[in-house]
Structures are given as C-alpha cells and as structure tokens.
Amino acid sequence: MTGYEPHDLMGNLGVLFILVTYVLLQLEKVDVSSLTYSALNAAGAALILYSLLYDFNLSAFLIESAWLAISLYGLARQFFKKPSNEADGP
C-alpha cells in the first residue's frame, strides 16, 4: 500500500457522509425527502467519485455515479417543489 494521499482523505470523507446520512435516517433524525438527506448523499458520492479519479474501480464508479444522479434528482425536486399552502385545507 502506498502512502495516504489527499484523494484518499476525500474518498473517506465521502464514505463518512453517506454512512452518517444512513445512521441519521435510521435514527429518524432526517427524512428521505429532505434537502439534507439528498445533499449529504450527493456530497458523499461526489467525494468518492473524486477519489476514484486517482485509483479507478469500475464497480465503485458505477454505484457512486448512480448514487450521485439519484441524489441530484432529489435535490432538484426540493428546489423546484411548489410551496404547499397549508391554509388551503382539503
């Protein structure tokens, strides 16, 4: 194994982001439709993808690319969501 490089740190931070997000989900501290959930997952996947630029692995690249795309979709959904008007009852 070679020395621990900056891209290794970035990849490990990405893993930490994704794991923390999953723990928060299991503890019911974050909702799957929240901006926080999608943002942490997107950041984690992006950091892992960055690390893969230096030490490529096709399987990891595929799963992280999908993870990032899905998270970006979730973020976009949050930004373009129409505000709900709670005063307008059913």
PDB file of N, CA and C in Angstrom:
ATOM      1  N   MET A   1       0.848  -1.183   0.000  1.00  0.00           N
ATOM      2  CA  MET A   1       0.000   0.000   0.000  1.00  0.00           C
ATOM      3  C   MET A   1       0.888   1.239   0.000  1.00  0.00           C
ATOM      4  N   THR A   2       0.535   2.178  -0.841  1.00  0.00           N
ATOM      5  CA  THR A   2       1.286   3.427  -0.883  1.00  0.00           C
ATOM      6  C   THR A   2       0.820   4.350   0.229  1.00  0.00           C
ATOM      7  N   GLY A   3       1.411   5.538   0.301  1.00  0.00           N
ATOM      8  CA  GLY A   3       1.052   6.499   1.335  1.00  0.00           C
ATOM      9  C   GLY A   3      -0.381   6.990   1.216  1.00  0.00           C
ATOM     10  N   TYR A   4      -0.873   7.511   2.299  1.00  0.00           N
ATOM     11  CA  TYR A   4      -2.220   8.069   2.351  1.00  0.00           C
ATOM     12  C   TYR A   4      -2.195   9.418   1.662  1.00  0.00           C
ATOM     13  N   GLU A   5      -2.939   9.547   0.584  1.00  0.00           N
ATOM     14  CA  GLU A   5      -2.925  10.735  -0.257  1.00  0.00           C
ATOM     15  C   GLU A   5      -4.177  11.588  -0.006  1.00  0.00           C
ATOM     16  N   PRO A   6      -4.157  12.857  -0.431  1.00  0.00           N
ATOM     17  CA  PRO A   6      -5.333  13.721  -0.259  1.00  0.00           C
ATOM     18  C   PRO A   6      -6.609  13.140  -0.872  1.00  0.00           C
ATOM     19  N   HIS A   7      -6.500  12.467  -2.012  1.00  0.00           N
ATOM     20  CA  HIS A   7      -7.695  11.880  -2.621  1.00  0.00           C
ATOM     21  C   HIS A   7      -8.245  10.732  -1.779  1.00  0.00           C
ATOM     22  N   ASP A   8      -7.367  10.061  -1.021  1.00  0.00           N
ATOM     23  CA  ASP A   8      -7.842   9.034  -0.093  1.00  0.00           C
ATOM     24  C   ASP A   8      -8.688   9.667   1.007  1.00  0.00           C
ATOM     25  N   LEU A   9      -8.224  10.793   1.521  1.00  0.00           N
ATOM     26  CA  LEU A   9      -8.978  11.519   2.544  1.00  0.00           C
ATOM     27  C   LEU A   9     -10.340  11.939   2.011  1.00  0.00           C
ATOM     28  N   MET A  10     -10.371  12.467   0.786  1.00  0.00           N
ATOM     29  CA  MET A  10     -11.639  12.901   0.188  1.00  0.00           C
ATOM     30  C   MET A  10     -12.601  11.721   0.052  1.00  0.00           C
ATOM     31  N   GLY A  11     -12.099  10.600  -0.426  1.00  0.00           N
ATOM     32  CA  GLY A  11     -12.945   9.410  -0.556  1.00  0.00           C
ATOM     33  C   GLY A  11     -13.469   8.933   0.787  1.00  0.00           C
ATOM     34  N   ASN A  12     -12.606   8.954   1.806  1.00  0.00           N
ATOM     35  CA  ASN A  12     -13.034   8.527   3.140  1.00  0.00           C
ATOM     36  C   ASN A  12     -14.060   9.482   3.733  1.00  0.00           C
ATOM     37  N   LEU A  13     -13.904  10.774   3.463  1.00  0.00           N
ATOM     38  CA  LEU A  13     -14.917  11.738   3.904  1.00  0.00           C
ATOM     39  C   LEU A  13     -16.250  11.465   3.210  1.00  0.00           C
ATOM     40  N   GLY A  14     -16.194  11.111   1.934  1.00  0.00           N
ATOM     41  CA  GLY A  14     -17.409  10.758   1.201  1.00  0.00           C
ATOM     42  C   GLY A  14     -18.114   9.571   1.821  1.00  0.00           C
ATOM     43  N   VAL A  15     -17.338   8.552   2.168  1.00  0.00           N
ATOM     44  CA  VAL A  15     -17.907   7.375   2.831  1.00  0.00           C
ATOM     45  C   VAL A  15     -18.537   7.791   4.156  1.00  0.00           C
ATOM     46  N   LEU A  16     -17.854   8.628   4.908  1.00  0.00           N
ATOM     47  CA  LEU A  16     -18.381   9.103   6.194  1.00  0.00           C
ATOM     48  C   LEU A  16     -19.697   9.851   6.007  1.00  0.00           C
ATOM     49  N   PHE A  17     -19.775  10.727   4.995  1.00  0.00           N
ATOM     50  CA  PHE A  17     -21.020  11.461   4.724  1.00  0.00           C
ATOM     51  C   PHE A  17     -22.176  10.495   4.475  1.00  0.00           C
ATOM     52  N   ILE A  18     -21.945   9.504   3.635  1.00  0.00           N
ATOM     53  CA  ILE A  18     -23.009   8.559   3.289  1.00  0.00           C
ATOM     54  C   ILE A  18     -23.409   7.725   4.505  1.00  0.00           C
ATOM     55  N   LEU A  19     -22.437   7.277   5.279  1.00  0.00           N
ATOM     56  CA  LEU A  19     -22.752   6.480   6.467  1.00  0.00           C
ATOM     57  C   LEU A  19     -23.487   7.299   7.527  1.00  0.00           C
ATOM     58  N   VAL A  20     -23.047   8.533   7.754  1.00  0.00           N
ATOM     59  CA  VAL A  20     -23.729   9.395   8.723  1.00  0.00           C
ATOM     60  C   VAL A  20     -25.164   9.656   8.279  1.00  0.00           C
ATOM     61  N   THR A  21     -25.345   9.877   6.986  1.00  0.00           N
ATOM     62  CA  THR A  21     -26.695  10.101   6.460  1.00  0.00           C
ATOM     63  C   THR A  21     -27.574   8.887   6.719  1.00  0.00           C
ATOM     64  N   TYR A  22     -27.029   7.700   6.507  1.00  0.00           N
ATOM     65  CA  TYR A  22     -27.800   6.474   6.730  1.00  0.00           C
ATOM     66  C   TYR A  22     -28.124   6.282   8.219  1.00  0.00           C
ATOM     67  N   VAL A  23     -27.178   6.585   9.075  1.00  0.00           N
ATOM     68  CA  VAL A  23     -27.432   6.494  10.519  1.00  0.00           C
ATOM     69  C   VAL A  23     -28.525   7.486  10.915  1.00  0.00           C
ATOM     70  N   LEU A  24     -28.440   8.715  10.425  1.00  0.00           N
ATOM     71  CA  LEU A  24     -29.468   9.724  10.731  1.00  0.00           C
ATOM     72  C   LEU A  24     -30.842   9.266  10.249  1.00  0.00           C
ATOM     73  N   LEU A  25     -30.872   8.618   9.107  1.00  0.00           N
ATOM     74  CA  LEU A  25     -32.138   8.095   8.588  1.00  0.00           C
ATOM     75  C   LEU A  25     -32.692   7.022   9.523  1.00  0.00           C
ATOM     76  N   GLN A  26     -31.852   6.100   9.950  1.00  0.00           N
ATOM     77  CA  GLN A  26     -32.292   5.025  10.831  1.00  0.00           C
ATOM     78  C   GLN A  26     -32.726   5.545  12.197  1.00  0.00           C
ATOM     79  N   LEU A  27     -32.109   6.625  12.654  1.00  0.00           N
ATOM     80  CA  LEU A  27     -32.480   7.237  13.936  1.00  0.00           C
ATOM     81  C   LEU A  27     -33.659   8.195  13.794  1.00  0.00           C
ATOM     82  N   GLU A  28     -34.183   8.295  12.575  1.00  0.00           N
ATOM     83  CA  GLU A  28     -35.304   9.178  12.257  1.00  0.00           C
ATOM     84  C   GLU A  28     -35.003  10.639  12.566  1.00  0.00           C
ATOM     85  N   LYS A  29     -33.758  11.039  12.323  1.00  0.00           N
ATOM     86  CA  LYS A  29     -33.339  12.424  12.504  1.00  0.00           C
ATOM     87  C   LYS A  29     -33.372  13.196  11.193  1.00  0.00           C
ATOM     88  N   VAL A  30     -33.535  12.469  10.084  1.00  0.00           N
ATOM     89  CA  VAL A  30     -33.605  13.089   8.773  1.00  0.00           C
ATOM     90  C   VAL A  30     -34.647  12.327   7.960  1.00  0.00           C
ATOM     91  N   ASP A  31     -35.338  13.040   7.104  1.00  0.00           N
ATOM     92  CA  ASP A  31     -36.367  12.443   6.265  1.00  0.00           C
ATOM     93  C   ASP A  31     -35.801  12.227   4.863  1.00  0.00           C
ATOM     94  N   VAL A  32     -36.187  11.129   4.213  1.00  0.00           N
ATOM     95  CA  VAL A  32     -35.645  10.822   2.889  1.00  0.00           C
ATOM     96  C   VAL A  32     -35.990  11.876   1.852  1.00  0.00           C
ATOM     97  N   SER A  33     -37.018  12.643   2.066  1.00  0.00           N
ATOM     98  CA  SER A  33     -37.385  13.674   1.093  1.00  0.00           C
ATOM     99  C   SER A  33     -36.805  15.042   1.453  1.00  0.00           C
ATOM    100  N   SER A  34     -35.927  15.086   2.448  1.00  0.00           N
ATOM    101  CA  SER A  34     -35.363  16.369   2.879  1.00  0.00           C
ATOM    102  C   SER A  34     -34.159  16.771   2.034  1.00  0.00           C
ATOM    103  N   LEU A  35     -33.913  18.058   2.045  1.00  0.00           N
ATOM    104  CA  LEU A  35     -32.758  18.615   1.358  1.00  0.00           C
ATOM    105  C   LEU A  35     -31.466  18.080   1.975  1.00  0.00           C
ATOM    106  N   THR A  36     -31.430  17.969   3.281  1.00  0.00           N
ATOM    107  CA  THR A  36     -30.242  17.479   3.986  1.00  0.00           C
ATOM    108  C   THR A  36     -29.865  16.076   3.538  1.00  0.00           C
ATOM    109  N   TYR A  37     -30.844  15.194   3.458  1.00  0.00           N
ATOM    110  CA  TYR A  37     -30.593  13.811   3.065  1.00  0.00           C
ATOM    111  C   TYR A  37     -29.974  13.752   1.673  1.00  0.00           C
ATOM    112  N   SER A  38     -30.574  14.427   0.717  1.00  0.00           N
ATOM    113  CA  SER A  38     -30.064  14.391  -0.653  1.00  0.00           C
ATOM    114  C   SER A  38     -28.708  15.084  -0.764  1.00  0.00           C
ATOM    115  N   ALA A  39     -28.536  16.188  -0.058  1.00  0.00           N
ATOM    116  CA  ALA A  39     -27.272  16.933  -0.140  1.00  0.00           C
ATOM    117  C   ALA A  39     -26.107  16.133   0.438  1.00  0.00           C
ATOM    118  N   LEU A  40     -26.318  15.501   1.584  1.00  0.00           N
ATOM    119  CA  LEU A  40     -25.243  14.696   2.182  1.00  0.00           C
ATOM    120  C   LEU A  40     -24.898  13.496   1.307  1.00  0.00           C
ATOM    121  N   ASN A  41     -25.908  12.853   0.744  1.00  0.00           N
ATOM    122  CA  ASN A  41     -25.648  11.722  -0.143  1.00  0.00           C
ATOM    123  C   ASN A  41     -24.925  12.164  -1.412  1.00  0.00           C
ATOM    124  N   ALA A  42     -25.331  13.287  -1.984  1.00  0.00           N
ATOM    125  CA  ALA A  42     -24.678  13.799  -3.196  1.00  0.00           C
ATOM    126  C   ALA A  42     -23.222  14.159  -2.906  1.00  0.00           C
ATOM    127  N   ALA A  43     -22.994  14.835  -1.795  1.00  0.00           N
ATOM    128  CA  ALA A  43     -21.634  15.217  -1.430  1.00  0.00           C
ATOM    129  C   ALA A  43     -20.763  13.982  -1.206  1.00  0.00           C
ATOM    130  N   GLY A  44     -21.312  12.997  -0.518  1.00  0.00           N
ATOM    131  CA  GLY A  44     -20.564  11.772  -0.278  1.00  0.00           C
ATOM    132  C   GLY A  44     -20.202  11.059  -1.566  1.00  0.00           C
ATOM    133  N   ALA A  45     -21.159  10.912  -2.454  1.00  0.00           N
ATOM    134  CA  ALA A  45     -20.909  10.241  -3.728  1.00  0.00           C
ATOM    135  C   ALA A  45     -19.900  11.022  -4.562  1.00  0.00           C
ATOM    136  N   ALA A  46     -20.011  12.345  -4.577  1.00  0.00           N
ATOM    137  CA  ALA A  46     -19.083  13.173  -5.355  1.00  0.00           C
ATOM    138  C   ALA A  46     -17.652  13.039  -4.828  1.00  0.00           C
ATOM    139  N   LEU A  47     -17.505  13.012  -3.516  1.00  0.00           N
ATOM    140  CA  LEU A  47     -16.170  12.864  -2.935  1.00  0.00           C
ATOM    141  C   LEU A  47     -15.569  11.488  -3.255  1.00  0.00           C
ATOM    142  N   ILE A  48     -16.389  10.469  -3.199  1.00  0.00           N
ATOM    143  CA  ILE A  48     -15.898   9.134  -3.549  1.00  0.00           C
ATOM    144  C   ILE A  48     -15.513   9.083  -5.023  1.00  0.00           C
ATOM    145  N   LEU A  49     -16.337   9.678  -5.883  1.00  0.00           N
ATOM    146  CA  LEU A  49     -16.007   9.717  -7.314  1.00  0.00           C
ATOM    147  C   LEU A  49     -14.695  10.466  -7.541  1.00  0.00           C
ATOM    148  N   TYR A  50     -14.481  11.543  -6.809  1.00  0.00           N
ATOM    149  CA  TYR A  50     -13.218  12.274  -6.918  1.00  0.00           C
ATOM    150  C   TYR A  50     -12.044  11.345  -6.599  1.00  0.00           C
ATOM    151  N   SER A  51     -12.167  10.577  -5.523  1.00  0.00           N
ATOM    152  CA  SER A  51     -11.073   9.673  -5.145  1.00  0.00           C
ATOM    153  C   SER A  51     -10.838   8.605  -6.217  1.00  0.00           C
ATOM    154  N   LEU A  52     -11.891   8.245  -6.927  1.00  0.00           N
ATOM    155  CA  LEU A  52     -11.762   7.224  -7.968  1.00  0.00           C
ATOM    156  C   LEU A  52     -11.011   7.736  -9.196  1.00  0.00           C
ATOM    157  N   LEU A  53     -10.877   9.052  -9.335  1.00  0.00           N
ATOM    158  CA  LEU A  53     -10.073   9.600 -10.430  1.00  0.00           C
ATOM    159  C   LEU A  53      -8.612   9.180 -10.290  1.00  0.00           C
ATOM    160  N   TYR A  54      -8.191   8.891  -9.063  1.00  0.00           N
ATOM    161  CA  TYR A  54      -6.801   8.545  -8.789  1.00  0.00           C
ATOM    162  C   TYR A  54      -6.580   7.047  -8.677  1.00  0.00           C
ATOM    163  N   ASP A  55      -7.600   6.322  -8.302  1.00  0.00           N
ATOM    164  CA  ASP A  55      -7.489   4.868  -8.142  1.00  0.00           C
ATOM    165  C   ASP A  55      -8.810   4.261  -8.612  1.00  0.00           C
ATOM    166  N   PHE A  56      -8.941   4.116  -9.942  1.00  0.00           N
ATOM    167  CA  PHE A  56     -10.218   3.765 -10.558  1.00  0.00           C
ATOM    168  C   PHE A  56     -10.654   2.342 -10.240  1.00  0.00           C
ATOM    169  N   ASN A  57     -11.957   2.194 -10.014  1.00  0.00           N
ATOM    170  CA  ASN A  57     -12.596   0.897  -9.823  1.00  0.00           C
ATOM    171  C   ASN A  57     -13.959   1.009 -10.496  1.00  0.00           C
ATOM    172  N   LEU A  58     -14.195   0.225 -11.527  1.00  0.00           N
ATOM    173  CA  LEU A  58     -15.418   0.360 -12.322  1.00  0.00           C
ATOM    174  C   LEU A  58     -16.674   0.145 -11.492  1.00  0.00           C
ATOM    175  N   SER A  59     -16.702  -0.872 -10.667  1.00  0.00           N
ATOM    176  CA  SER A  59     -17.905  -1.138  -9.860  1.00  0.00           C
ATOM    177  C   SER A  59     -18.214   0.026  -8.925  1.00  0.00           C
ATOM    178  N   ALA A  60     -17.199   0.540  -8.263  1.00  0.00           N
ATOM    179  CA  ALA A  60     -17.401   1.681  -7.363  1.00  0.00           C
ATOM    180  C   ALA A  60     -17.843   2.907  -8.157  1.00  0.00           C
ATOM    181  N   PHE A  61     -17.259   3.107  -9.335  1.00  0.00           N
ATOM    182  CA  PHE A  61     -17.632   4.234 -10.176  1.00  0.00           C
ATOM    183  C   PHE A  61     -19.108   4.149 -10.578  1.00  0.00           C
ATOM    184  N   LEU A  62     -19.569   2.974 -10.951  1.00  0.00           N
ATOM    185  CA  LEU A  62     -20.956   2.805 -11.378  1.00  0.00           C
ATOM    186  C   LEU A  62     -21.935   3.073 -10.242  1.00  0.00           C
ATOM    187  N   ILE A  63     -21.677   2.503  -9.068  1.00  0.00           N
ATOM    188  CA  ILE A  63     -22.612   2.690  -7.957  1.00  0.00           C
ATOM    189  C   ILE A  63     -22.600   4.135  -7.472  1.00  0.00           C
ATOM    190  N   GLU A  64     -21.442   4.759  -7.416  1.00  0.00           N
ATOM    191  CA  GLU A  64     -21.378   6.142  -6.939  1.00  0.00           C
ATOM    192  C   GLU A  64     -21.964   7.117  -7.960  1.00  0.00           C
ATOM    193  N   SER A  65     -21.802   6.810  -9.244  1.00  0.00           N
ATOM    194  CA  SER A  65     -22.423   7.647 -10.280  1.00  0.00           C
ATOM    195  C   SER A  65     -23.943   7.588 -10.161  1.00  0.00           C
ATOM    196  N   ALA A  66     -24.472   6.392  -9.953  1.00  0.00           N
ATOM    197  CA  ALA A  66     -25.923   6.235  -9.775  1.00  0.00           C
ATOM    198  C   ALA A  66     -26.375   6.944  -8.495  1.00  0.00           C
ATOM    199  N   TRP A  67     -25.613   6.784  -7.422  1.00  0.00           N
ATOM    200  CA  TRP A  67     -25.941   7.402  -6.139  1.00  0.00           C
ATOM    201  C   TRP A  67     -25.975   8.923  -6.285  1.00  0.00           C
ATOM    202  N   LEU A  68     -24.998   9.475  -7.007  1.00  0.00           N
ATOM    203  CA  LEU A  68     -24.944  10.917  -7.226  1.00  0.00           C
ATOM    204  C   LEU A  68     -26.123  11.379  -8.080  1.00  0.00           C
ATOM    205  N   ALA A  69     -26.419  10.664  -9.144  1.00  0.00           N
ATOM    206  CA  ALA A  69     -27.527  11.056 -10.031  1.00  0.00           C
ATOM    207  C   ALA A  69     -28.861  11.047  -9.273  1.00  0.00           C
ATOM    208  N   ILE A  70     -29.093  10.025  -8.497  1.00  0.00           N
ATOM    209  CA  ILE A  70     -30.342   9.933  -7.728  1.00  0.00           C
ATOM    210  C   ILE A  70     -30.414  11.056  -6.690  1.00  0.00           C
ATOM    211  N   SER A  71     -29.301  11.334  -6.037  1.00  0.00           N
ATOM    212  CA  SER A  71     -29.267  12.406  -5.040  1.00  0.00           C
ATOM    213  C   SER A  71     -29.479  13.773  -5.678  1.00  0.00           C
ATOM    214  N   LEU A  72     -28.888  13.972  -6.851  1.00  0.00           N
ATOM    215  CA  LEU A  72     -29.102  15.242  -7.559  1.00  0.00           C
ATOM    216  C   LEU A  72     -30.554  15.399  -7.978  1.00  0.00           C
ATOM    217  N   TYR A  73     -31.188  14.308  -8.356  1.00  0.00           N
ATOM    218  CA  TYR A  73     -32.620  14.339  -8.668  1.00  0.00           C
ATOM    219  C   TYR A  73     -33.404  14.778  -7.423  1.00  0.00           C
ATOM    220  N   GLY A  74     -33.069  14.204  -6.277  1.00  0.00           N
ATOM    221  CA  GLY A  74     -33.735  14.581  -5.025  1.00  0.00           C
ATOM    222  C   GLY A  74     -33.532  16.043  -4.692  1.00  0.00           C
ATOM    223  N   LEU A  75     -32.316  16.545  -4.913  1.00  0.00           N
ATOM    224  CA  LEU A  75     -32.055  17.971  -4.677  1.00  0.00           C
ATOM    225  C   LEU A  75     -32.870  18.845  -5.620  1.00  0.00           C
ATOM    226  N   ALA A  76     -32.895  18.480  -6.886  1.00  0.00           N
ATOM    227  CA  ALA A  76     -33.654  19.255  -7.874  1.00  0.00           C
ATOM    228  C   ALA A  76     -35.132  19.273  -7.518  1.00  0.00           C
ATOM    229  N   ARG A  77     -35.636  18.137  -7.075  1.00  0.00           N
ATOM    230  CA  ARG A  77     -37.041  18.059  -6.671  1.00  0.00           C
ATOM    231  C   ARG A  77     -37.344  19.022  -5.535  1.00  0.00           C
ATOM    232  N   GLN A  78     -36.407  19.143  -4.599  1.00  0.00           N
ATOM    233  CA  GLN A  78     -36.599  20.065  -3.481  1.00  0.00           C
ATOM    234  C   GLN A  78     -36.581  21.522  -3.942  1.00  0.00           C
ATOM    235  N   PHE A  79     -35.674  21.848  -4.850  1.00  0.00           N
ATOM    236  CA  PHE A  79     -35.559  23.233  -5.314  1.00  0.00           C
ATOM    237  C   PHE A  79     -36.720  23.661  -6.199  1.00  0.00           C
ATOM    238  N   PHE A  80     -37.299  22.733  -6.921  1.00  0.00           N
ATOM    239  CA  PHE A  80     -38.373  23.082  -7.847  1.00  0.00           C
ATOM    240  C   PHE A  80     -39.761  22.705  -7.331  1.00  0.00           C
ATOM    241  N   LYS A  81     -39.824  22.290  -6.077  1.00  0.00           N
ATOM    242  CA  LYS A  81     -41.106  21.925  -5.478  1.00  0.00           C
ATOM    243  C   LYS A  81     -41.954  23.178  -5.287  1.00  0.00           C
ATOM    244  N   LYS A  82     -43.221  23.056  -5.641  1.00  0.00           N
ATOM    245  CA  LYS A  82     -44.144  24.168  -5.414  1.00  0.00           C
ATOM    246  C   LYS A  82     -44.408  24.270  -3.920  1.00  0.00           C
ATOM    247  N   PRO A  83     -44.390  25.488  -3.390  1.00  0.00           N
ATOM    248  CA  PRO A  83     -44.658  25.621  -1.956  1.00  0.00           C
ATOM    249  C   PRO A  83     -46.095  25.178  -1.649  1.00  0.00           C
ATOM    250  N   SER A  84     -46.210  24.415  -0.564  1.00  0.00           N
ATOM    251  CA  SER A  84     -47.557  23.970  -0.191  1.00  0.00           C
ATOM    252  C   SER A  84     -48.238  25.090   0.581  1.00  0.00           C
ATOM    253  N   ASN A  85     -49.520  25.197   0.363  1.00  0.00           N
ATOM    254  CA  ASN A  85     -50.316  26.205   1.028  1.00  0.00           C
ATOM    255  C   ASN A  85     -51.168  25.498   2.080  1.00  0.00           C
ATOM    256  N   GLU A  86     -50.636  25.394   3.291  1.00  0.00           N
ATOM    257  CA  GLU A  86     -51.328  24.651   4.335  1.00  0.00           C
ATOM    258  C   GLU A  86     -52.649  25.297   4.735  1.00  0.00           C
ATOM    259  N   ALA A  87     -52.794  26.564   4.481  1.00  0.00           N
ATOM    260  CA  ALA A  87     -54.026  27.252   4.846  1.00  0.00           C
ATOM    261  C   ALA A  87     -55.170  26.826   3.940  1.00  0.00           C
ATOM    262  N   ASP A  88     -54.863  26.242   2.775  1.00  0.00           N
ATOM    263  CA  ASP A  88     -55.885  25.809   1.832  1.00  0.00           C
ATOM    264  C   ASP A  88     -56.378  24.413   2.158  1.00  0.00           C
ATOM    265  N   GLY A  89     -56.761  23.997   3.189  1.00  0.00           N
ATOM    266  CA  GLY A  89     -57.161  22.634   3.538  1.00  0.00           C
ATOM    267  C   GLY A  89     -57.750  21.819   2.399  1.00  0.00           C
ATOM    268  N   PRO A  90     -58.051  20.542   2.626  1.00  0.00           N
ATOM    269  CA  PRO A  90     -58.568  19.660   1.567  1.00  0.00           C
ATOM    270  C   PRO A  90     -59.951  20.011   1.089  1.00  0.00           C
TER     271      PRO A  90
END
